[in-house]
């Protein structure tokens, strides 16, 4: 639908940085980084990243806009969109309801170590990764993701 309207350009990485959140109890570890990538035959995408620290706890957040590279996006998200889940003695992986329109999540919770990973897919365009070292509460990263103005981002 976006492609039919001529909307095939990824948001510049500097604009994506505005969607990186503030996280209560954590401080930003340096300035946000980002990049714009153009690859003939694959399209273009942009990324914004930020690391946060609270003592020895760390959170890394990366937002990628695949608007100019839908083929690459489809390959990256295929497994998440299928409803794949898995569990063993060390981790549990599954889709998770983010409670927002056009937003789906896929989480990995590690059972034996304080670590978690959440992938959020917004508007069939944005791929947001949240990695946490120091906390494996399954609601922690979801709470951060919900604070990120994802509905606004999904409306772009």
C-alpha atoms as a PDB file:
ATOM      1  CA  UNK A   1       0.000   0.000   0.000  1.00  0.00           C
ATOM      2  CA  UNK A   2       2.800   2.441   0.866  1.00  0.00           C
ATOM      3  CA  UNK A   3       4.689   1.478  -2.278  1.00  0.00           C
ATOM      4  CA  UNK A   4       1.595   2.196  -4.416  1.00  0.00           C
ATOM      5  CA  UNK A   5       1.460   5.694  -2.896  1.00  0.00           C
ATOM      6  CA  UNK A   6       5.136   6.212  -3.680  1.00  0.00           C
ATOM      7  CA  UNK A   7       6.191   5.960  -0.014  1.00  0.00           C
ATOM      8  CA  UNK A   8       9.343   3.854  -0.379  1.00  0.00           C
ATOM      9  CA  UNK A   9      11.954   5.919   1.460  1.00  0.00           C
ATOM     10  CA  UNK A  10      13.224   5.046   4.928  1.00  0.00           C
ATOM     11  CA  UNK A  11      13.091   7.784   7.571  1.00  0.00           C
ATOM     12  CA  UNK A  12      16.554   9.374   8.006  1.00  0.00           C
ATOM     13  CA  UNK A  13      18.418   7.854  10.958  1.00  0.00           C
ATOM     14  CA  UNK A  14      18.612  11.239  12.709  1.00  0.00           C
ATOM     15  CA  UNK A  15      14.782  11.363  12.710  1.00  0.00           C
ATOM     16  CA  UNK A  16      14.574   7.781  14.018  1.00  0.00           C
ATOM     17  CA  UNK A  17      16.733   8.784  16.983  1.00  0.00           C
ATOM     18  CA  UNK A  18      13.812  10.881  18.276  1.00  0.00           C
ATOM     19  CA  UNK A  19      11.977   7.597  18.981  1.00  0.00           C
ATOM     20  CA  UNK A  20      14.687   6.223  21.272  1.00  0.00           C
ATOM     21  CA  UNK A  21      13.237   6.341  24.791  1.00  0.00           C
ATOM     22  CA  UNK A  22      14.299   7.647  28.152  1.00  0.00           C
ATOM     23  CA  UNK A  23      14.483   4.726  30.594  1.00  0.00           C
ATOM     24  CA  UNK A  24      13.815   5.314  34.261  1.00  0.00           C
ATOM     25  CA  UNK A  25      16.849   4.420  36.385  1.00  0.00           C
ATOM     26  CA  UNK A  26      19.152   4.162  33.365  1.00  0.00           C
ATOM     27  CA  UNK A  27      21.418   6.749  31.758  1.00  0.00           C
ATOM     28  CA  UNK A  28      22.357   6.934  28.102  1.00  0.00           C
ATOM     29  CA  UNK A  29      25.833   5.575  27.482  1.00  0.00           C
ATOM     30  CA  UNK A  30      27.057   8.162  24.988  1.00  0.00           C
ATOM     31  CA  UNK A  31      25.187   9.721  22.130  1.00  0.00           C
ATOM     32  CA  UNK A  32      22.794   7.760  19.906  1.00  0.00           C
ATOM     33  CA  UNK A  33      24.284   6.397  16.712  1.00  0.00           C
ATOM     34  CA  UNK A  34      22.743   5.592  13.384  1.00  0.00           C
ATOM     35  CA  UNK A  35      23.202   5.051   9.700  1.00  0.00           C
ATOM     36  CA  UNK A  36      21.437   5.045   6.357  1.00  0.00           C
ATOM     37  CA  UNK A  37      22.189   2.168   3.989  1.00  0.00           C
ATOM     38  CA  UNK A  38      21.478   2.003   0.266  1.00  0.00           C
ATOM     39  CA  UNK A  39      22.083  -1.272  -1.541  1.00  0.00           C
ATOM     40  CA  UNK A  40      21.350  -1.630  -5.259  1.00  0.00           C
ATOM     41  CA  UNK A  41      18.769  -4.349  -5.788  1.00  0.00           C
ATOM     42  CA  UNK A  42      17.884  -4.485  -2.075  1.00  0.00           C
ATOM     43  CA  UNK A  43      16.688  -0.941  -1.434  1.00  0.00           C
ATOM     44  CA  UNK A  44      17.484   1.305   1.491  1.00  0.00           C
ATOM     45  CA  UNK A  45      16.997   1.266   5.234  1.00  0.00           C
ATOM     46  CA  UNK A  46      18.004   3.343   8.228  1.00  0.00           C
ATOM     47  CA  UNK A  47      18.914   2.527  11.830  1.00  0.00           C
ATOM     48  CA  UNK A  48      19.173   4.370  15.124  1.00  0.00           C
ATOM     49  CA  UNK A  49      20.765   2.820  18.219  1.00  0.00           C
ATOM     50  CA  UNK A  50      21.343   3.711  21.851  1.00  0.00           C
ATOM     51  CA  UNK A  51      22.921   1.953  24.832  1.00  0.00           C
ATOM     52  CA  UNK A  52      21.689   2.580  28.387  1.00  0.00           C
ATOM     53  CA  UNK A  53      23.401   1.687  31.670  1.00  0.00           C
ATOM     54  CA  UNK A  54      22.467   1.270  35.316  1.00  0.00           C
ATOM     55  CA  UNK A  55      25.579   0.017  37.093  1.00  0.00           C
ATOM     56  CA  UNK A  56      26.393  -3.324  35.478  1.00  0.00           C
ATOM     57  CA  UNK A  57      22.957  -3.568  33.827  1.00  0.00           C
ATOM     58  CA  UNK A  58      22.745  -2.649  30.143  1.00  0.00           C
ATOM     59  CA  UNK A  59      19.984  -2.144  27.596  1.00  0.00           C
ATOM     60  CA  UNK A  60      20.617  -1.775  23.866  1.00  0.00           C
ATOM     61  CA  UNK A  61      17.860  -0.479  21.614  1.00  0.00           C
ATOM     62  CA  UNK A  62      17.989  -0.469  17.813  1.00  0.00           C
ATOM     63  CA  UNK A  63      15.246   0.888  15.545  1.00  0.00           C
ATOM     64  CA  UNK A  64      15.452  -0.073  11.875  1.00  0.00           C
ATOM     65  CA  UNK A  65      13.179   1.378   9.184  1.00  0.00           C
ATOM     66  CA  UNK A  66      12.923  -1.059   6.281  1.00  0.00           C
ATOM     67  CA  UNK A  67      10.470   1.079   4.258  1.00  0.00           C
ATOM     68  CA  UNK A  68      12.832   1.167   1.277  1.00  0.00           C
ATOM     69  CA  UNK A  69      13.689  -2.550   1.488  1.00  0.00           C
ATOM     70  CA  UNK A  70      10.483  -4.508   1.966  1.00  0.00           C
ATOM     71  CA  UNK A  71      12.019  -7.683   0.535  1.00  0.00           C
ATOM     72  CA  UNK A  72      14.739  -7.674   3.189  1.00  0.00           C
ATOM     73  CA  UNK A  73      12.177  -6.875   5.890  1.00  0.00           C
ATOM     74  CA  UNK A  74       9.974  -9.809   4.874  1.00  0.00           C
ATOM     75  CA  UNK A  75      12.945 -12.143   5.158  1.00  0.00           C
ATOM     76  CA  UNK A  76      13.900 -10.823   8.585  1.00  0.00           C
ATOM     77  CA  UNK A  77      10.385 -10.973  10.040  1.00  0.00           C
ATOM     78  CA  UNK A  78       8.996 -14.160   8.485  1.00  0.00           C
ATOM     79  CA  UNK A  79       9.696 -16.335  11.521  1.00  0.00           C
ATOM     80  CA  UNK A  80       8.257 -13.791  13.963  1.00  0.00           C
ATOM     81  CA  UNK A  81       5.062 -13.312  11.992  1.00  0.00           C
ATOM     82  CA  UNK A  82       4.357 -17.066  11.851  1.00  0.00           C
ATOM     83  CA  UNK A  83       3.694 -17.321  15.575  1.00  0.00           C
ATOM     84  CA  UNK A  84       6.780 -19.441  16.206  1.00  0.00           C
ATOM     85  CA  UNK A  85       7.446 -20.402  19.828  1.00  0.00           C
ATOM     86  CA  UNK A  86      10.006 -22.511  21.616  1.00  0.00           C
ATOM     87  CA  UNK A  87      10.895 -23.391  25.200  1.00  0.00           C
ATOM     88  CA  UNK A  88      13.641 -25.372  26.874  1.00  0.00           C
ATOM     89  CA  UNK A  89      15.458 -25.372  30.234  1.00  0.00           C
ATOM     90  CA  UNK A  90      17.355 -22.174  29.470  1.00  0.00           C
ATOM     91  CA  UNK A  91      14.926 -19.917  27.590  1.00  0.00           C
ATOM     92  CA  UNK A  92      11.400 -19.300  26.408  1.00  0.00           C
ATOM     93  CA  UNK A  93      10.641 -17.648  23.049  1.00  0.00           C
ATOM     94  CA  UNK A  94       7.236 -16.637  21.724  1.00  0.00           C
ATOM     95  CA  UNK A  95       5.140 -13.939  20.165  1.00  0.00           C
ATOM     96  CA  UNK A  96       3.654 -11.480  22.632  1.00  0.00           C
ATOM     97  CA  UNK A  97       0.722  -9.107  22.454  1.00  0.00           C
ATOM     98  CA  UNK A  98       1.951  -5.525  22.673  1.00  0.00           C
ATOM     99  CA  UNK A  99      -1.581  -4.153  23.043  1.00  0.00           C
ATOM    100  CA  UNK A 100      -1.126  -1.671  20.174  1.00  0.00           C
ATOM    101  CA  UNK A 101      -2.574  -1.498  16.686  1.00  0.00           C
ATOM    102  CA  UNK A 102      -0.178  -2.620  13.934  1.00  0.00           C
ATOM    103  CA  UNK A 103       2.461  -3.659  16.495  1.00  0.00           C
ATOM    104  CA  UNK A 104       3.536  -7.254  17.237  1.00  0.00           C
ATOM    105  CA  UNK A 105       6.248  -8.486  19.596  1.00  0.00           C
ATOM    106  CA  UNK A 106       8.474 -11.511  19.880  1.00  0.00           C
ATOM    107  CA  UNK A 107      10.284 -12.080  23.170  1.00  0.00           C
ATOM    108  CA  UNK A 108      13.064 -14.281  24.443  1.00  0.00           C
ATOM    109  CA  UNK A 109      13.273 -14.674  28.208  1.00  0.00           C
ATOM    110  CA  UNK A 110      16.309 -16.453  29.612  1.00  0.00           C
ATOM    111  CA  UNK A 111      15.488 -18.600  32.630  1.00  0.00           C
ATOM    112  CA  UNK A 112      18.873 -19.099  34.259  1.00  0.00           C
ATOM    113  CA  UNK A 113      20.414 -15.682  33.730  1.00  0.00           C
ATOM    114  CA  UNK A 114      19.139 -12.110  34.004  1.00  0.00           C
ATOM    115  CA  UNK A 115      18.827 -11.517  30.267  1.00  0.00           C
ATOM    116  CA  UNK A 116      15.998 -10.822  27.853  1.00  0.00           C
ATOM    117  CA  UNK A 117      15.417  -9.837  24.238  1.00  0.00           C
ATOM    118  CA  UNK A 118      12.350  -8.297  22.617  1.00  0.00           C
ATOM    119  CA  UNK A 119      11.735  -7.714  18.917  1.00  0.00           C
ATOM    120  CA  UNK A 120       8.903  -5.356  18.052  1.00  0.00           C
ATOM    121  CA  UNK A 121       7.545  -5.090  14.523  1.00  0.00           C
ATOM    122  CA  UNK A 122       5.534  -1.943  13.866  1.00  0.00           C
ATOM    123  CA  UNK A 123       3.432  -1.166  10.799  1.00  0.00           C
ATOM    124  CA  UNK A 124       5.043  -3.934   8.754  1.00  0.00           C
ATOM    125  CA  UNK A 125       7.998  -1.564   8.361  1.00  0.00           C
ATOM    126  CA  UNK A 126       9.889  -0.908  11.603  1.00  0.00           C
ATOM    127  CA  UNK A 127      12.010  -3.559  13.325  1.00  0.00           C
ATOM    128  CA  UNK A 128      12.837  -2.582  16.899  1.00  0.00           C
ATOM    129  CA  UNK A 129      15.214  -4.674  19.005  1.00  0.00           C
ATOM    130  CA  UNK A 130      15.567  -4.308  22.763  1.00  0.00           C
ATOM    131  CA  UNK A 131      18.318  -6.316  24.473  1.00  0.00           C
ATOM    132  CA  UNK A 132      18.747  -6.370  28.240  1.00  0.00           C
ATOM    133  CA  UNK A 133      21.614  -7.706  30.326  1.00  0.00           C
ATOM    134  CA  UNK A 134      20.643  -7.676  33.990  1.00  0.00           C
ATOM    135  CA  UNK A 135      16.870  -8.290  33.968  1.00  0.00           C
ATOM    136  CA  UNK A 136      14.728 -11.169  32.715  1.00  0.00           C
ATOM    137  CA  UNK A 137      11.321  -9.925  33.912  1.00  0.00           C
ATOM    138  CA  UNK A 138       9.099 -10.523  30.888  1.00  0.00           C
ATOM    139  CA  UNK A 139       7.273  -7.219  31.417  1.00  0.00           C
ATOM    140  CA  UNK A 140      10.406  -5.054  31.685  1.00  0.00           C
ATOM    141  CA  UNK A 141      11.291  -4.681  27.999  1.00  0.00           C
ATOM    142  CA  UNK A 142       7.624  -4.572  26.978  1.00  0.00           C
ATOM    143  CA  UNK A 143       7.161  -1.599  29.305  1.00  0.00           C
ATOM    144  CA  UNK A 144      10.091   0.183  27.675  1.00  0.00           C
ATOM    145  CA  UNK A 145       8.783  -0.593  24.187  1.00  0.00           C
ATOM    146  CA  UNK A 146       5.340   0.755  25.080  1.00  0.00           C
ATOM    147  CA  UNK A 147       6.969   4.031  26.180  1.00  0.00           C
ATOM    148  CA  UNK A 148       8.546   4.512  22.745  1.00  0.00           C
ATOM    149  CA  UNK A 149       5.650   6.187  20.882  1.00  0.00           C
ATOM    150  CA  UNK A 150       5.339   3.123  18.641  1.00  0.00           C
ATOM    151  CA  UNK A 151       1.824   4.054  17.526  1.00  0.00           C
ATOM    152  CA  UNK A 152       3.166   7.389  16.300  1.00  0.00           C
ATOM    153  CA  UNK A 153       6.050   5.654  14.558  1.00  0.00           C
ATOM    154  CA  UNK A 154       3.667   3.113  13.001  1.00  0.00           C
ATOM    155  CA  UNK A 155       1.592   5.961  11.560  1.00  0.00           C
ATOM    156  CA  UNK A 156       4.571   7.310   9.543  1.00  0.00           C
END
